[in-house]
Amino acid sequence: MNNNASWLGLTVIAGLLATEVWAEDKNFGKATPNPNEIIEHFKEPAAQPAPADADDYQDVPESELENVRGLKKISNIDKATGRKVQLPTTVAEKAISMEILFDYNSATLNAQAKTQLEPVGKALASGELEGIKYRIEGHTDVVGGDQFNIELSRRRAEAVKAYLIDKFGIAGNAIQIEGRGRQELADAKNPTAEANRRVRIVSLGKQ
């Protein structure tokens, strides 16, 4: 392996170690959500003051750190090398899941599915969520082969995207799609359950 490839590998690993991603999902199941519920879930929080750098407290005795702005010092210095390292950060992946109803073995949205998606489109097109981008994931149960389910779930995600664009004027480049097939079952104990045949919409934030 050449040096450039080695650096790339180290950079990717460092990035994974430095960021902890956890999911904040709201599962509506077969219910039709209220647009305001979706807006509140996806709305980005107000900007918070930047956390103090560990260097700001280098000269404060460890015993007194609890009394300094209520913060406790976390060292960002690697003891082995003496160099600064990136401290871990936590990223919340906000998403909603819905059991969108499709015809059997089909990626065509029926009337009930469009009714379910109506408030989703209104929320995503609202001013409160302006500038946010999304990923639409299609999910299936375990019936059928892996490749078949991945392709079917991708086409269903594409159908949802097309509906949101055509009906609500959401920009096409604001939505990515992905077919997950039978990966990441919502109800792993019942792999053939309807709950696994869902569409998940993930907020990617403002990019």
Protein backbone atom coordinates (compact mmCIF):
# COMPACT_ATOMS: atom_id res chain seq x y z
CA MET A 1 0.00 0.00 0.00
CA ASN A 2 1.38 3.45 -0.90
CA ASN A 3 1.63 6.36 1.54
CA ASN A 4 -1.39 8.18 0.10
CA ALA A 5 -3.58 5.12 0.53
CA SER A 6 -2.30 4.69 4.08
CA TRP A 7 -3.19 8.29 4.94
CA LEU A 8 -6.65 7.84 3.43
CA GLY A 9 -7.25 4.75 5.56
CA LEU A 10 -6.12 6.54 8.72
CA THR A 11 -8.30 9.56 7.93
CA VAL A 12 -11.41 7.41 7.44
CA ILE A 13 -10.74 5.48 10.67
CA ALA A 14 -10.13 8.69 12.61
CA GLY A 15 -13.38 10.14 11.32
CA LEU A 16 -15.32 7.07 12.40
CA LEU A 17 -13.75 7.13 15.83
CA ALA A 18 -14.37 10.85 16.25
CA THR A 19 -18.09 10.73 15.51
CA GLU A 20 -20.73 8.66 17.26
CA VAL A 21 -23.98 8.50 15.28
CA TRP A 22 -27.23 7.53 16.94
CA ALA A 23 -30.71 7.42 15.48
CA GLU A 24 -33.66 9.47 16.70
CA ASP A 25 -36.53 7.78 14.87
CA LYS A 26 -40.22 8.59 15.03
CA ASN A 27 -42.24 5.62 13.77
CA PHE A 28 -45.77 6.45 12.62
CA GLY A 29 -46.55 2.93 11.43
CA LYS A 30 -49.74 2.98 9.33
CA ALA A 31 -50.94 6.23 10.88
CA THR A 32 -51.16 9.48 8.93
CA PRO A 33 -48.99 12.01 10.78
CA ASN A 34 -49.67 15.67 11.38
CA PRO A 35 -47.37 18.00 9.38
CA ASN A 36 -46.45 19.87 12.57
CA GLU A 37 -45.19 16.65 14.18
CA ILE A 38 -42.80 16.15 11.29
CA ILE A 39 -41.70 19.79 11.27
CA GLU A 40 -40.93 19.73 14.99
CA HIS A 41 -39.04 16.45 14.64
CA PHE A 42 -36.87 17.61 11.73
CA LYS A 43 -36.49 21.28 12.65
CA GLU A 44 -32.88 22.11 13.44
CA PRO A 45 -32.27 23.42 16.97
CA ALA A 46 -31.13 26.97 17.60
CA ALA A 47 -27.37 27.41 17.48
CA GLN A 48 -25.66 26.85 20.83
CA PRO A 49 -22.50 28.60 22.06
CA ALA A 50 -19.35 26.75 21.01
CA PRO A 51 -17.97 24.53 23.80
CA ALA A 52 -14.80 25.73 25.45
CA ASP A 53 -11.56 24.22 24.20
CA ALA A 54 -9.65 22.04 26.63
CA ASP A 55 -6.71 24.47 26.33
CA ASP A 56 -8.81 27.14 28.08
CA TYR A 57 -8.46 25.20 31.31
CA GLN A 58 -4.87 24.03 31.13
CA ASP A 59 -3.88 26.05 34.24
CA VAL A 60 -6.97 25.25 36.32
CA PRO A 61 -6.39 22.63 39.04
CA GLU A 62 -8.31 19.40 38.40
CA SER A 63 -10.10 19.80 41.76
CA GLU A 64 -11.54 23.18 40.73
CA LEU A 65 -12.71 22.30 37.23
CA GLU A 66 -16.21 21.36 38.38
CA ASN A 67 -16.66 24.99 39.53
CA VAL A 68 -15.58 26.60 36.25
CA ARG A 69 -18.78 27.30 34.30
CA GLY A 70 -20.00 23.90 35.43
CA LEU A 71 -17.59 22.22 33.02
CA LYS A 72 -15.22 19.38 33.59
CA LYS A 73 -11.98 19.34 31.65
CA ILE A 74 -11.59 16.68 28.98
CA SER A 75 -8.07 16.49 27.65
CA ASN A 76 -7.62 16.62 23.89
CA ILE A 77 -3.92 15.83 24.10
CA ASP A 78 -2.69 12.37 23.17
CA LYS A 79 -0.39 11.38 26.04
CA ALA A 80 1.71 9.13 23.81
CA THR A 81 2.51 11.74 21.15
CA GLY A 82 1.75 15.03 22.90
CA ARG A 83 -0.37 16.07 19.91
CA LYS A 84 -3.91 17.39 19.88
CA VAL A 85 -6.56 14.88 18.83
CA GLN A 86 -10.18 15.37 17.82
CA LEU A 87 -12.55 14.68 20.68
CA PRO A 88 -15.53 12.40 19.97
CA THR A 89 -18.73 14.13 18.91
CA THR A 90 -22.28 12.83 18.93
CA VAL A 91 -24.51 13.20 15.88
CA ALA A 92 -28.24 12.52 16.09
CA GLU A 93 -29.68 11.07 12.87
CA LYS A 94 -33.29 12.21 12.84
CA ALA A 95 -35.71 10.08 10.85
CA ILE A 96 -39.35 9.15 10.48
CA SER A 97 -40.63 5.71 9.49
CA MET A 98 -43.98 4.90 7.91
CA GLU A 99 -45.63 1.73 6.66
CA ILE A 100 -46.50 3.09 3.22
CA LEU A 101 -49.03 0.86 1.48
CA PHE A 102 -48.08 -0.39 -1.97
CA ASP A 103 -49.82 -2.92 -4.14
CA TYR A 104 -48.36 -6.42 -3.76
CA ASN A 105 -44.94 -6.74 -5.44
CA SER A 106 -45.39 -3.24 -6.80
CA ALA A 107 -43.74 0.16 -6.42
CA THR A 108 -46.93 2.01 -7.39
CA LEU A 109 -48.34 4.29 -4.69
CA ASN A 110 -52.02 3.62 -4.10
CA ALA A 111 -54.56 6.22 -2.94
CA GLN A 112 -54.08 5.39 0.74
CA ALA A 113 -50.30 5.71 0.42
CA LYS A 114 -50.68 9.17 -1.10
CA THR A 115 -52.96 10.17 1.78
CA GLN A 116 -50.27 9.04 4.23
CA LEU A 117 -47.61 11.05 2.39
CA GLU A 118 -49.69 14.24 2.08
CA PRO A 119 -48.61 15.70 5.47
CA VAL A 120 -45.03 14.59 4.86
CA GLY A 121 -44.90 16.61 1.66
CA LYS A 122 -46.46 19.63 3.34
CA ALA A 123 -43.91 19.47 6.15
CA LEU A 124 -40.85 19.00 3.93
CA ALA A 125 -41.97 21.85 1.66
CA SER A 126 -42.61 24.20 4.59
CA GLY A 127 -40.52 27.27 5.32
CA GLU A 128 -39.45 25.84 8.70
CA LEU A 129 -37.57 23.02 6.99
CA GLU A 130 -36.21 25.08 4.09
CA GLY A 131 -32.71 24.06 3.01
CA ILE A 132 -32.72 20.65 4.70
CA LYS A 133 -31.86 17.63 2.56
CA TYR A 134 -33.15 14.10 3.02
CA ARG A 135 -32.52 10.45 2.28
CA ILE A 136 -35.50 8.22 1.55
CA GLU A 137 -34.86 4.56 2.37
CA GLY A 138 -37.03 1.70 1.19
CA HIS A 139 -37.27 -1.34 3.48
CA THR A 140 -38.89 -4.76 2.96
CA ASP A 141 -39.59 -7.89 4.96
CA VAL A 142 -37.56 -11.09 4.41
CA VAL A 143 -39.84 -12.70 1.83
CA GLY A 144 -37.93 -13.04 -1.46
CA GLY A 145 -34.26 -12.91 -2.37
CA ASP A 146 -31.82 -10.22 -1.30
CA GLN A 147 -31.35 -8.63 -4.71
CA PHE A 148 -35.09 -8.66 -5.46
CA ASN A 149 -35.87 -6.92 -2.17
CA ILE A 150 -33.13 -4.32 -2.61
CA GLU A 151 -34.41 -3.44 -6.07
CA LEU A 152 -38.06 -3.38 -4.96
CA SER A 153 -37.26 -1.20 -1.95
CA ARG A 154 -35.24 1.18 -4.15
CA ARG A 155 -38.14 1.53 -6.60
CA ARG A 156 -40.53 2.22 -3.73
CA ALA A 157 -38.22 4.90 -2.35
CA GLU A 158 -38.05 6.38 -5.86
CA ALA A 159 -41.86 6.39 -6.07
CA VAL A 160 -42.10 8.33 -2.80
CA LYS A 161 -39.48 10.81 -4.00
CA ALA A 162 -41.29 11.32 -7.32
CA TYR A 163 -44.59 11.95 -5.54
CA LEU A 164 -43.06 14.53 -3.17
CA ILE A 165 -41.39 16.34 -6.07
CA ASP A 166 -44.43 16.32 -8.37
CA LYS A 167 -47.08 17.17 -5.76
CA PHE A 168 -45.21 19.55 -3.46
CA GLY A 169 -42.47 21.03 -5.64
CA ILE A 170 -39.61 19.75 -3.50
CA ALA A 171 -36.31 20.02 -5.39
CA GLY A 172 -35.05 16.73 -6.78
CA ASN A 173 -31.50 17.36 -5.57
CA ALA A 174 -32.80 17.73 -2.01
CA ILE A 175 -33.68 14.04 -1.82
CA GLN A 176 -31.43 10.99 -2.10
CA ILE A 177 -32.84 7.47 -2.32
CA GLU A 178 -31.56 4.13 -1.13
CA GLY A 179 -32.94 0.60 -1.25
CA ARG A 180 -32.12 -1.25 1.97
CA GLY A 181 -34.14 -4.37 1.20
CA ARG A 182 -34.48 -6.63 4.22
CA GLN A 183 -31.60 -5.07 6.13
CA GLU A 184 -32.38 -3.27 9.40
CA LEU A 185 -35.74 -4.88 10.10
CA ALA A 186 -38.07 -2.75 12.21
CA ASP A 187 -39.45 -5.93 13.83
CA ALA A 188 -36.57 -8.41 13.83
CA LYS A 189 -38.52 -10.91 15.95
CA ASN A 190 -41.17 -11.11 13.24
CA PRO A 191 -39.20 -10.82 9.98
CA THR A 192 -42.28 -11.23 7.73
CA ALA A 193 -44.36 -8.64 9.63
CA GLU A 194 -45.92 -5.67 7.83
CA ALA A 195 -43.94 -3.32 10.09
CA ASN A 196 -40.82 -4.22 8.12
CA ARG A 197 -42.34 -3.04 4.84
CA ARG A 198 -41.69 0.62 5.45
CA VAL A 199 -40.23 3.81 4.11
CA ARG A 200 -37.78 5.73 6.27
CA ILE A 201 -37.05 9.43 5.66
CA VAL A 202 -33.80 10.66 7.18
CA SER A 203 -32.86 14.31 7.67
CA LEU A 204 -29.35 15.04 6.37
CA GLY A 205 -29.41 18.61 7.68
CA LYS A 206 -28.55 21.71 5.72
CA GLN A 207 -25.67 21.03 3.34
